[in-house]
Amino acid sequence: NDLLKQGFVTSSDNIDHKRAPLFNLSDQGEQVMAKINAAQSEWI
């Protein structure tokens, strides 16, 4: 719910289960994950 409000994920209908939507990374989510993955790579 917080990630939806921040625009990091999007939701879509789930044809297999009406009450359980599917969540995916938004464009903003993909961009931030790329930056976090780069920072994590340096750290690890």
ModelCIF file with pLDDT and N, C-alpha, C, O atoms, coordinates in Angstrom:
data_MODEL
#
_entry.id   MODEL 
#
_entity.id                         1 
_entity.type                       polymer 
_entity.pdbx_number_of_molecules   1 
#
_entity_poly.entity_id                      1 
_entity_poly.type                           'polypeptide(L)' 
_entity_poly.nstd_linkage                   no 
_entity_poly.nstd_monomer                   no 
_entity_poly.pdbx_seq_one_letter_code       NDLLKQGFVTSSDNIDHKRAPLFNLSDQGEQVMAKINAAQSEWI 
_entity_poly.pdbx_seq_one_letter_code_can   NDLLKQGFVTSSDNIDHKRAPLFNLSDQGEQVMAKINAAQSEWI 
_entity_poly.pdbx_strand_id                 A 
#
loop_
_entity_poly_seq.entity_id 
_entity_poly_seq.num 
_entity_poly_seq.mon_id 
_entity_poly_seq.hetero 
1 1  ASN n 
1 2  ASP n 
1 3  LEU n 
1 4  LEU n 
1 5  LYS n 
1 6  GLN n 
1 7  GLY n 
1 8  PHE n 
1 9  VAL n 
1 10 THR n 
1 11 SER n 
1 12 SER n 
1 13 ASP n 
1 14 ASN n 
1 15 ILE n 
1 16 ASP n 
1 17 HIS n 
1 18 LYS n 
1 19 ARG n 
1 20 ALA n 
1 21 PRO n 
1 22 LEU n 
1 23 PHE n 
1 24 ASN n 
1 25 LEU n 
1 26 SER n 
1 27 ASP n 
1 28 GLN n 
1 29 GLY n 
1 30 GLU n 
1 31 GLN n 
1 32 VAL n 
1 33 MET n 
1 34 ALA n 
1 35 LYS n 
1 36 ILE n 
1 37 ASN n 
1 38 ALA n 
1 39 ALA n 
1 40 GLN n 
1 41 SER n 
1 42 GLU n 
1 43 TRP n 
1 44 ILE n 
#
_struct_asym.id          A 
_struct_asym.entity_id   1 
#
loop_
_ma_qa_metric.id 
_ma_qa_metric.mode 
_ma_qa_metric.name 
_ma_qa_metric.software_group_id 
_ma_qa_metric.type 
1 global pLDDT . pLDDT 
2 local  pLDDT . pLDDT 
#
_ma_qa_metric_global.metric_id      1 
_ma_qa_metric_global.metric_value   94.36 
_ma_qa_metric_global.model_id       1 
_ma_qa_metric_global.ordinal_id     1 
#
loop_
_ma_qa_metric_local.label_asym_id 
_ma_qa_metric_local.label_comp_id 
_ma_qa_metric_local.label_seq_id 
_ma_qa_metric_local.metric_id 
_ma_qa_metric_local.metric_value 
_ma_qa_metric_local.model_id 
_ma_qa_metric_local.ordinal_id 
A ASN 1  2 97.00 1 1  
A ASP 2  2 96.00 1 2  
A LEU 3  2 97.00 1 3  
A LEU 4  2 97.00 1 4  
A LYS 5  2 96.00 1 5  
A GLN 6  2 94.00 1 6  
A GLY 7  2 96.00 1 7  
A PHE 8  2 97.00 1 8  
A VAL 9  2 97.00 1 9  
A THR 10 2 96.00 1 10 
A SER 11 2 94.00 1 11 
A SER 12 2 94.00 1 12 
A ASP 13 2 88.00 1 13 
A ASN 14 2 89.00 1 14 
A ILE 15 2 87.00 1 15 
A ASP 16 2 84.00 1 16 
A HIS 17 2 84.00 1 17 
A LYS 18 2 82.00 1 18 
A ARG 19 2 86.00 1 19 
A ALA 20 2 91.00 1 20 
A PRO 21 2 95.00 1 21 
A LEU 22 2 96.00 1 22 
A PHE 23 2 97.00 1 23 
A ASN 24 2 96.00 1 24 
A LEU 25 2 97.00 1 25 
A SER 26 2 97.00 1 26 
A ASP 27 2 97.00 1 27 
A GLN 28 2 97.00 1 28 
A GLY 29 2 96.00 1 29 
A GLU 30 2 96.00 1 30 
A GLN 31 2 97.00 1 31 
A VAL 32 2 96.00 1 32 
A MET 33 2 96.00 1 33 
A ALA 34 2 96.00 1 34 
A LYS 35 2 96.00 1 35 
A ILE 36 2 96.00 1 36 
A ASN 37 2 95.00 1 37 
A ALA 38 2 96.00 1 38 
A ALA 39 2 96.00 1 39 
A GLN 40 2 96.00 1 40 
A SER 41 2 96.00 1 41 
A GLU 42 2 96.00 1 42 
A TRP 43 2 97.00 1 43 
A ILE 44 2 97.00 1 44 
#
loop_
_atom_site.group_PDB 
_atom_site.id 
_atom_site.type_symbol 
_atom_site.label_atom_id 
_atom_site.label_alt_id 
_atom_site.label_comp_id 
_atom_site.label_asym_id 
_atom_site.label_entity_id 
_atom_site.label_seq_id 
_atom_site.pdbx_PDB_ins_code 
_atom_site.Cartn_x 
_atom_site.Cartn_y 
_atom_site.Cartn_z 
_atom_site.occupancy 
_atom_site.B_iso_or_equiv 
_atom_site.pdbx_formal_charge 
_atom_site.auth_seq_id 
_atom_site.auth_comp_id 
_atom_site.auth_asym_id 
_atom_site.auth_atom_id 
_atom_site.pdbx_PDB_model_num 
ATOM 1   N N  . ASN A 1 1  ? 0.837   -1.207  0.000   1.00 97.00 ? 1  ASN A N  1 
ATOM 2   C CA . ASN A 1 1  ? 0.000   0.000   0.000   1.00 97.00 ? 1  ASN A CA 1 
ATOM 3   C C  . ASN A 1 1  ? 0.868   1.253   0.000   1.00 97.00 ? 1  ASN A C  1 
ATOM 4   O O  . ASN A 1 1  ? 0.577   2.208   -0.720  1.00 97.00 ? 1  ASN A O  1 
ATOM 5   N N  . ASP A 1 2  ? 1.930   1.259   0.799   1.00 96.00 ? 2  ASP A N  1 
ATOM 6   C CA . ASP A 1 2  ? 2.854   2.401   0.835   1.00 96.00 ? 2  ASP A CA 1 
ATOM 7   C C  . ASP A 1 2  ? 3.563   2.567   -0.507  1.00 96.00 ? 2  ASP A C  1 
ATOM 8   O O  . ASP A 1 2  ? 3.702   3.684   -1.006  1.00 96.00 ? 2  ASP A O  1 
ATOM 9   N N  . LEU A 1 3  ? 4.014   1.453   -1.092  1.00 97.00 ? 3  LEU A N  1 
ATOM 10  C CA . LEU A 1 3  ? 4.723   1.513   -2.375  1.00 97.00 ? 3  LEU A CA 1 
ATOM 11  C C  . LEU A 1 3  ? 3.812   1.990   -3.502  1.00 97.00 ? 3  LEU A C  1 
ATOM 12  O O  . LEU A 1 3  ? 4.263   2.677   -4.419  1.00 97.00 ? 3  LEU A O  1 
ATOM 13  N N  . LEU A 1 4  ? 2.538   1.631   -3.436  1.00 97.00 ? 4  LEU A N  1 
ATOM 14  C CA . LEU A 1 4  ? 1.562   2.139   -4.419  1.00 97.00 ? 4  LEU A CA 1 
ATOM 15  C C  . LEU A 1 4  ? 1.435   3.654   -4.309  1.00 97.00 ? 4  LEU A C  1 
ATOM 16  O O  . LEU A 1 4  ? 1.442   4.361   -5.317  1.00 97.00 ? 4  LEU A O  1 
ATOM 17  N N  . LYS A 1 5  ? 1.317   4.152   -3.069  1.00 96.00 ? 5  LYS A N  1 
ATOM 18  C CA . LYS A 1 5  ? 1.193   5.598   -2.852  1.00 96.00 ? 5  LYS A CA 1 
ATOM 19  C C  . LYS A 1 5  ? 2.425   6.344   -3.337  1.00 96.00 ? 5  LYS A C  1 
ATOM 20  O O  . LYS A 1 5  ? 2.318   7.457   -3.851  1.00 96.00 ? 5  LYS A O  1 
ATOM 21  N N  . GLN A 1 6  ? 3.603   5.731   -3.175  1.00 94.00 ? 6  GLN A N  1 
ATOM 22  C CA . GLN A 1 6  ? 4.850   6.368   -3.595  1.00 94.00 ? 6  GLN A CA 1 
ATOM 23  C C  . GLN A 1 6  ? 5.105   6.230   -5.090  1.00 94.00 ? 6  GLN A C  1 
ATOM 24  O O  . GLN A 1 6  ? 6.000   6.880   -5.631  1.00 94.00 ? 6  GLN A O  1 
ATOM 25  N N  . GLY A 1 7  ? 4.322   5.387   -5.761  1.00 96.00 ? 7  GLY A N  1 
ATOM 26  C CA . GLY A 1 7  ? 4.473   5.216   -7.199  1.00 96.00 ? 7  GLY A CA 1 
ATOM 27  C C  . GLY A 1 7  ? 5.538   4.205   -7.612  1.00 96.00 ? 7  GLY A C  1 
ATOM 28  O O  . GLY A 1 7  ? 5.946   4.189   -8.773  1.00 96.00 ? 7  GLY A O  1 
ATOM 29  N N  . PHE A 1 8  ? 5.998   3.360   -6.685  1.00 97.00 ? 8  PHE A N  1 
ATOM 30  C CA . PHE A 1 8  ? 7.036   2.380   -7.010  1.00 97.00 ? 8  PHE A CA 1 
ATOM 31  C C  . PHE A 1 8  ? 6.477   1.088   -7.604  1.00 97.00 ? 8  PHE A C  1 
ATOM 32  O O  . PHE A 1 8  ? 7.201   0.348   -8.269  1.00 97.00 ? 8  PHE A O  1 
ATOM 33  N N  . VAL A 1 9  ? 5.183   0.811   -7.366  1.00 97.00 ? 9  VAL A N  1 
ATOM 34  C CA . VAL A 1 9  ? 4.545   -0.377  -7.924  1.00 97.00 ? 9  VAL A CA 1 
ATOM 35  C C  . VAL A 1 9  ? 3.208   0.006   -8.544  1.00 97.00 ? 9  VAL A C  1 
ATOM 36  O O  . VAL A 1 9  ? 2.623   1.043   -8.231  1.00 97.00 ? 9  VAL A O  1 
ATOM 37  N N  . THR A 1 10 ? 2.750   -0.860  -9.425  1.00 96.00 ? 10 THR A N  1 
ATOM 38  C CA . THR A 1 10 ? 1.421   -0.725  -10.013 1.00 96.00 ? 10 THR A CA 1 
ATOM 39  C C  . THR A 1 10 ? 0.643   -2.003  -9.697  1.00 96.00 ? 10 THR A C  1 
ATOM 40  O O  . THR A 1 10 ? 1.231   -3.046  -9.412  1.00 96.00 ? 10 THR A O  1 
ATOM 41  N N  . SER A 1 11 ? -0.674  -1.908  -9.751  1.00 94.00 ? 11 SER A N  1 
ATOM 42  C CA . SER A 1 11 ? -1.492  -3.097  -9.531  1.00 94.00 ? 11 SER A CA 1 
ATOM 43  C C  . SER A 1 11 ? -2.324  -3.363  -10.779 1.00 94.00 ? 11 SER A C  1 
ATOM 44  O O  . SER A 1 11 ? -2.673  -2.453  -11.531 1.00 94.00 ? 11 SER A O  1 
ATOM 45  N N  . SER A 1 12 ? -2.623  -4.622  -10.967 1.00 94.00 ? 12 SER A N  1 
ATOM 46  C CA . SER A 1 12 ? -3.479  -5.019  -12.090 1.00 94.00 ? 12 SER A CA 1 
ATOM 47  C C  . SER A 1 12 ? -4.375  -6.155  -11.635 1.00 94.00 ? 12 SER A C  1 
ATOM 48  O O  . SER A 1 12 ? -4.090  -6.846  -10.657 1.00 94.00 ? 12 SER A O  1 
ATOM 49  N N  . ASP A 1 13 ? -5.468  -6.332  -12.369 1.00 88.00 ? 13 ASP A N  1 
ATOM 50  C CA . ASP A 1 13 ? -6.406  -7.396  -12.032 1.00 88.00 ? 13 ASP A CA 1 
ATOM 51  C C  . ASP A 1 13 ? -5.742  -8.756  -12.220 1.00 88.00 ? 13 ASP A C  1 
ATOM 52  O O  . ASP A 1 13 ? -4.894  -8.944  -13.092 1.00 88.00 ? 13 ASP A O  1 
ATOM 53  N N  . ASN A 1 14 ? -6.148  -9.682  -11.387 1.00 89.00 ? 14 ASN A N  1 
ATOM 54  C CA . ASN A 1 14 ? -5.655  -11.054 -11.427 1.00 89.00 ? 14 ASN A CA 1 
ATOM 55  C C  . ASN A 1 14 ? -6.812  -11.921 -11.925 1.00 89.00 ? 14 ASN A C  1 
ATOM 56  O O  . ASN A 1 14 ? -7.806  -12.095 -11.220 1.00 89.00 ? 14 ASN A O  1 
ATOM 57  N N  . ILE A 1 15 ? -6.686  -12.460 -13.130 1.00 87.00 ? 15 ILE A N  1 
ATOM 58  C CA . ILE A 1 15 ? -7.782  -13.257 -13.689 1.00 87.00 ? 15 ILE A CA 1 
ATOM 59  C C  . ILE A 1 15 ? -8.015  -14.544 -12.899 1.00 87.00 ? 15 ILE A C  1 
ATOM 60  O O  . ILE A 1 15 ? -9.094  -15.131 -12.976 1.00 87.00 ? 15 ILE A O  1 
ATOM 61  N N  . ASP A 1 16 ? -7.008  -14.987 -12.141 1.00 84.00 ? 16 ASP A N  1 
ATOM 62  C CA . ASP A 1 16 ? -7.137  -16.219 -11.360 1.00 84.00 ? 16 ASP A CA 1 
ATOM 63  C C  . ASP A 1 16 ? -7.762  -15.996 -9.993  1.00 84.00 ? 16 ASP A C  1 
ATOM 64  O O  . ASP A 1 16 ? -8.253  -16.935 -9.367  1.00 84.00 ? 16 ASP A O  1 
ATOM 65  N N  . HIS A 1 17 ? -7.742  -14.746 -9.528  1.00 84.00 ? 17 HIS A N  1 
ATOM 66  C CA . HIS A 1 17 ? -8.268  -14.486 -8.177  1.00 84.00 ? 17 HIS A CA 1 
ATOM 67  C C  . HIS A 1 17 ? -8.670  -13.018 -8.099  1.00 84.00 ? 17 HIS A C  1 
ATOM 68  O O  . HIS A 1 17 ? -7.811  -12.141 -8.001  1.00 84.00 ? 17 HIS A O  1 
ATOM 69  N N  . LYS A 1 18 ? -9.970  -12.749 -8.141  1.00 82.00 ? 18 LYS A N  1 
ATOM 70  C CA . LYS A 1 18 ? -10.462 -11.372 -8.209  1.00 82.00 ? 18 LYS A CA 1 
ATOM 71  C C  . LYS A 1 18 ? -10.055 -10.518 -7.023  1.00 82.00 ? 18 LYS A C  1 
ATOM 72  O O  . LYS A 1 18 ? -9.878  -9.309  -7.171  1.00 82.00 ? 18 LYS A O  1 
ATOM 73  N N  . ARG A 1 19 ? -9.900  -11.126 -5.831  1.00 86.00 ? 19 ARG A N  1 
ATOM 74  C CA . ARG A 1 19 ? -9.591  -10.349 -4.628  1.00 86.00 ? 19 ARG A CA 1 
ATOM 75  C C  . ARG A 1 19 ? -8.094  -10.254 -4.344  1.00 86.00 ? 19 ARG A C  1 
ATOM 76  O O  . ARG A 1 19 ? -7.692  -9.689  -3.327  1.00 86.00 ? 19 ARG A O  1 
ATOM 77  N N  . ALA A 1 20 ? -7.266  -10.802 -5.233  1.00 91.00 ? 20 ALA A N  1 
ATOM 78  C CA . ALA A 1 20 ? -5.812  -10.765 -5.035  1.00 91.00 ? 20 ALA A CA 1 
ATOM 79  C C  . ALA A 1 20 ? -5.153  -10.139 -6.257  1.00 91.00 ? 20 ALA A C  1 
ATOM 80  O O  . ALA A 1 20 ? -4.722  -10.850 -7.164  1.00 91.00 ? 20 ALA A O  1 
ATOM 81  N N  . PRO A 1 21 ? -5.072  -8.807  -6.284  1.00 95.00 ? 21 PRO A N  1 
ATOM 82  C CA . PRO A 1 21 ? -4.455  -8.151  -7.446  1.00 95.00 ? 21 PRO A CA 1 
ATOM 83  C C  . PRO A 1 21 ? -2.977  -8.514  -7.579  1.00 95.00 ? 21 PRO A C  1 
ATOM 84  O O  . PRO A 1 21 ? -2.331  -8.961  -6.631  1.00 95.00 ? 21 PRO A O  1 
ATOM 85  N N  . LEU A 1 22 ? -2.480  -8.307  -8.773  1.00 96.00 ? 22 LEU A N  1 
ATOM 86  C CA . LEU A 1 22 ? -1.068  -8.527  -9.071  1.00 96.00 ? 22 LEU A CA 1 
ATOM 87  C C  . LEU A 1 22 ? -0.318  -7.203  -8.982  1.00 96.00 ? 22 LEU A C  1 
ATOM 88  O O  . LEU A 1 22 ? -0.835  -6.158  -9.377  1.00 96.00 ? 22 LEU A O  1 
ATOM 89  N N  . PHE A 1 23 ? 0.893   -7.258  -8.463  1.00 97.00 ? 23 PHE A N  1 
ATOM 90  C CA . PHE A 1 23 ? 1.710   -6.053  -8.319  1.00 97.00 ? 23 PHE A CA 1 
ATOM 91  C C  . PHE A 1 23 ? 2.986   -6.208  -9.123  1.00 97.00 ? 23 PHE A C  1 
ATOM 92  O O  . PHE A 1 23 ? 3.616   -7.266  -9.144  1.00 97.00 ? 23 PHE A O  1 
ATOM 93  N N  . ASN A 1 24 ? 3.344   -5.116  -9.785  1.00 96.00 ? 24 ASN A N  1 
ATOM 94  C CA . ASN A 1 24 ? 4.545   -5.090  -10.606 1.00 96.00 ? 24 ASN A CA 1 
ATOM 95  C C  . ASN A 1 24 ? 5.283   -3.780  -10.341 1.00 96.00 ? 24 ASN A C  1 
ATOM 96  O O  . ASN A 1 24 ? 4.705   -2.823  -9.828  1.00 96.00 ? 24 ASN A O  1 
ATOM 97  N N  . LEU A 1 25 ? 6.554   -3.752  -10.694 1.00 97.00 ? 25 LEU A N  1 
ATOM 98  C CA . LEU A 1 25 ? 7.316   -2.510  -10.557 1.00 97.00 ? 25 LEU A CA 1 
ATOM 99  C C  . LEU A 1 25 ? 6.825   -1.500  -11.587 1.00 97.00 ? 25 LEU A C  1 
ATOM 100 O O  . LEU A 1 25 ? 6.594   -1.841  -12.747 1.00 97.00 ? 25 LEU A O  1 
ATOM 101 N N  . SER A 1 26 ? 6.670   -0.273  -11.156 1.00 97.00 ? 26 SER A N  1 
ATOM 102 C CA . SER A 1 26 ? 6.378   0.817   -12.092 1.00 97.00 ? 26 SER A CA 1 
ATOM 103 C C  . SER A 1 26 ? 7.691   1.227   -12.745 1.00 97.00 ? 26 SER A C  1 
ATOM 104 O O  . SER A 1 26 ? 8.750   0.715   -12.384 1.00 97.00 ? 26 SER A O  1 
ATOM 105 N N  . ASP A 1 27 ? 7.630   2.138   -13.693 1.00 97.00 ? 27 ASP A N  1 
ATOM 106 C CA . ASP A 1 27 ? 8.871   2.661   -14.283 1.00 97.00 ? 27 ASP A CA 1 
ATOM 107 C C  . ASP A 1 27 ? 9.744   3.269   -13.193 1.00 97.00 ? 27 ASP A C  1 
ATOM 108 O O  . ASP A 1 27 ? 10.957  3.057   -13.170 1.00 97.00 ? 27 ASP A O  1 
ATOM 109 N N  . GLN A 1 28 ? 9.125   4.024   -12.290 1.00 97.00 ? 28 GLN A N  1 
ATOM 110 C CA . GLN A 1 28 ? 9.856   4.624   -11.182 1.00 97.00 ? 28 GLN A CA 1 
ATOM 111 C C  . GLN A 1 28 ? 10.471  3.524   -10.298 1.00 97.00 ? 28 GLN A C  1 
ATOM 112 O O  . GLN A 1 28 ? 11.609  3.657   -9.848  1.00 97.00 ? 28 GLN A O  1 
ATOM 113 N N  . GLY A 1 29 ? 9.728   2.454   -10.055 1.00 96.00 ? 29 GLY A N  1 
ATOM 114 C CA . GLY A 1 29 ? 10.232  1.342   -9.258  1.00 96.00 ? 29 GLY A CA 1 
ATOM 115 C C  . GLY A 1 29 ? 11.419  0.659   -9.911  1.00 96.00 ? 29 GLY A C  1 
ATOM 116 O O  . GLY A 1 29 ? 12.389  0.308   -9.240  1.00 96.00 ? 29 GLY A O  1 
ATOM 117 N N  . GLU A 1 30 ? 11.340  0.471   -11.228 1.00 96.00 ? 30 GLU A N  1 
ATOM 118 C CA . GLU A 1 30 ? 12.457  -0.140  -11.956 1.00 96.00 ? 30 GLU A CA 1 
ATOM 119 C C  . GLU A 1 30 ? 13.700  0.746   -11.897 1.00 96.00 ? 30 GLU A C  1 
ATOM 120 O O  . GLU A 1 30 ? 14.814  0.247   -11.736 1.00 96.00 ? 30 GLU A O  1 
ATOM 121 N N  . GLN A 1 31 ? 13.511  2.047   -12.024 1.00 97.00 ? 31 GLN A N  1 
ATOM 122 C CA . GLN A 1 31 ? 14.646  2.979   -11.969 1.00 97.00 ? 31 GLN A CA 1 
ATOM 123 C C  . GLN A 1 31 ? 15.304  2.964   -10.595 1.00 97.00 ? 31 GLN A C  1 
ATOM 124 O O  . GLN A 1 31 ? 16.530  2.925   -10.488 1.00 97.00 ? 31 GLN A O  1 
ATOM 125 N N  . VAL A 1 32 ? 14.486  2.997   -9.540  1.00 96.00 ? 32 VAL A N  1 
ATOM 126 C CA . VAL A 1 32 ? 15.057  3.021   -8.199  1.00 96.00 ? 32 VAL A CA 1 
ATOM 127 C C  . VAL A 1 32 ? 15.708  1.683   -7.866  1.00 96.00 ? 32 VAL A C  1 
ATOM 128 O O  . VAL A 1 32 ? 16.725  1.652   -7.173  1.00 96.00 ? 32 VAL A O  1 
ATOM 129 N N  . MET A 1 33 ? 15.139  0.573   -8.348  1.00 96.00 ? 33 MET A N  1 
ATOM 130 C CA . MET A 1 33 ? 15.755  -0.730  -8.100  1.00 96.00 ? 33 MET A CA 1 
ATOM 131 C C  . MET A 1 33 ? 17.113  -0.826  -8.789  1.00 96.00 ? 33 MET A C  1 
ATOM 132 O O  . MET A 1 33 ? 18.041  -1.417  -8.237  1.00 96.00 ? 33 MET A O  1 
ATOM 133 N N  . ALA A 1 34 ? 17.243  -0.259  -9.976  1.00 96.00 ? 34 ALA A N  1 
ATOM 134 C CA . ALA A 1 34 ? 18.537  -0.267  -10.669 1.00 96.00 ? 34 ALA A CA 1 
ATOM 135 C C  . ALA A 1 34 ? 19.576  0.500   -9.855  1.00 96.00 ? 34 ALA A C  1 
ATOM 136 O O  . ALA A 1 34 ? 20.722  0.065   -9.743  1.00 96.00 ? 34 ALA A O  1 
ATOM 137 N N  . LYS A 1 35 ? 19.185  1.625   -9.296  1.00 96.00 ? 35 LYS A N  1 
ATOM 138 C CA . LYS A 1 35 ? 20.113  2.424   -8.479  1.00 96.00 ? 35 LYS A CA 1 
ATOM 139 C C  . LYS A 1 35 ? 20.461  1.708   -7.184  1.00 96.00 ? 35 LYS A C  1 
ATOM 140 O O  . LYS A 1 35 ? 21.621  1.695   -6.773  1.00 96.00 ? 35 LYS A O  1 
ATOM 141 N N  . ILE A 1 36 ? 19.461  1.110   -6.536  1.00 96.00 ? 36 ILE A N  1 
ATOM 142 C CA . ILE A 1 36 ? 19.716  0.378   -5.288  1.00 96.00 ? 36 ILE A CA 1 
ATOM 143 C C  . ILE A 1 36 ? 20.591  -0.836  -5.565  1.00 96.00 ? 36 ILE A C  1 
ATOM 144 O O  . ILE A 1 36 ? 21.506  -1.127  -4.794  1.00 96.00 ? 36 ILE A O  1 
ATOM 145 N N  . ASN A 1 37 ? 20.321  -1.550  -6.658  1.00 95.00 ? 37 ASN A N  1 
ATOM 146 C CA . ASN A 1 37 ? 21.136  -2.719  -6.992  1.00 95.00 ? 37 ASN A CA 1 
ATOM 147 C C  . ASN A 1 37 ? 22.593  -2.323  -7.234  1.00 95.00 ? 37 ASN A C  1 
ATOM 148 O O  . ASN A 1 37 ? 23.505  -3.062  -6.864  1.00 95.00 ? 37 ASN A O  1 
ATOM 149 N N  . ALA A 1 38 ? 22.810  -1.177  -7.845  1.00 96.00 ? 38 ALA A N  1 
ATOM 150 C CA . ALA A 1 38 ? 24.175  -0.699  -8.061  1.00 96.00 ? 38 ALA A CA 1 
ATOM 151 C C  . ALA A 1 38 ? 24.853  -0.380  -6.728  1.00 96.00 ? 38 ALA A C  1 
ATOM 152 O O  . ALA A 1 38 ? 26.014  -0.730  -6.518  1.00 96.00 ? 38 ALA A O  1 
ATOM 153 N N  . ALA A 1 39 ? 24.127  0.283   -5.832  1.00 96.00 ? 39 ALA A N  1 
ATOM 154 C CA . ALA A 1 39 ? 24.683  0.602   -4.514  1.00 96.00 ? 39 ALA A CA 1 
ATOM 155 C C  . ALA A 1 39 ? 24.939  -0.670  -3.706  1.00 96.00 ? 39 ALA A C  1 
ATOM 156 O O  . ALA A 1 39 ? 25.954  -0.776  -3.018  1.00 96.00 ? 39 ALA A O  1 
ATOM 157 N N  . GLN A 1 40 ? 24.023  -1.631  -3.791  1.00 96.00 ? 40 GLN A N  1 
ATOM 158 C CA . GLN A 1 40 ? 24.204  -2.895  -3.074  1.00 96.00 ? 40 GLN A CA 1 
ATOM 159 C C  . GLN A 1 40 ? 25.388  -3.665  -3.632  1.00 96.00 ? 40 GLN A C  1 
ATOM 160 O O  . GLN A 1 40 ? 26.125  -4.294  -2.873  1.00 96.00 ? 40 GLN A O  1 
ATOM 161 N N  . SER A 1 41 ? 25.583  -3.628  -4.939  1.00 96.00 ? 41 SER A N  1 
ATOM 162 C CA . SER A 1 41 ? 26.719  -4.326  -5.558  1.00 96.00 ? 41 SER A CA 1 
ATOM 163 C C  . SER A 1 41 ? 28.038  -3.791  -5.034  1.00 96.00 ? 41 SER A C  1 
ATOM 164 O O  . SER A 1 41 ? 28.949  -4.558  -4.720  1.00 96.00 ? 41 SER A O  1 
ATOM 165 N N  . GLU A 1 42 ? 28.136  -2.490  -4.943  1.00 96.00 ? 42 GLU A N  1 
ATOM 166 C CA . GLU A 1 42 ? 29.353  -1.870  -4.421  1.00 96.00 ? 42 GLU A CA 1 
ATOM 167 C C  . GLU A 1 42 ? 29.595  -2.300  -2.975  1.00 96.00 ? 42 GLU A C  1 
ATOM 168 O O  . GLU A 1 42 ? 30.713  -2.657  -2.602  1.00 96.00 ? 42 GLU A O  1 
ATOM 169 N N  . TRP A 1 43 ? 28.538  -2.262  -2.170  1.00 97.00 ? 43 TRP A N  1 
ATOM 170 C CA . TRP A 1 43 ? 28.630  -2.630  -0.755  1.00 97.00 ? 43 TRP A CA 1 
ATOM 171 C C  . TRP A 1 43 ? 29.011  -4.099  -0.587  1.00 97.00 ? 43 TRP A C  1 
ATOM 172 O O  . TRP A 1 43 ? 29.923  -4.415  0.176   1.00 97.00 ? 43 TRP A O  1 
ATOM 173 N N  . ILE A 1 44 ? 28.319  -5.004  -1.293  1.00 97.00 ? 44 ILE A N  1 
ATOM 174 C CA . ILE A 1 44 ? 28.561  -6.444  -1.119  1.00 97.00 ? 44 ILE A CA 1 
ATOM 175 C C  . ILE A 1 44 ? 29.923  -6.844  -1.666  1.00 97.00 ? 44 ILE A C  1 
ATOM 176 O O  . ILE A 1 44 ? 30.294  -8.016  -1.605  1.00 97.00 ? 44 ILE A O  1 
#
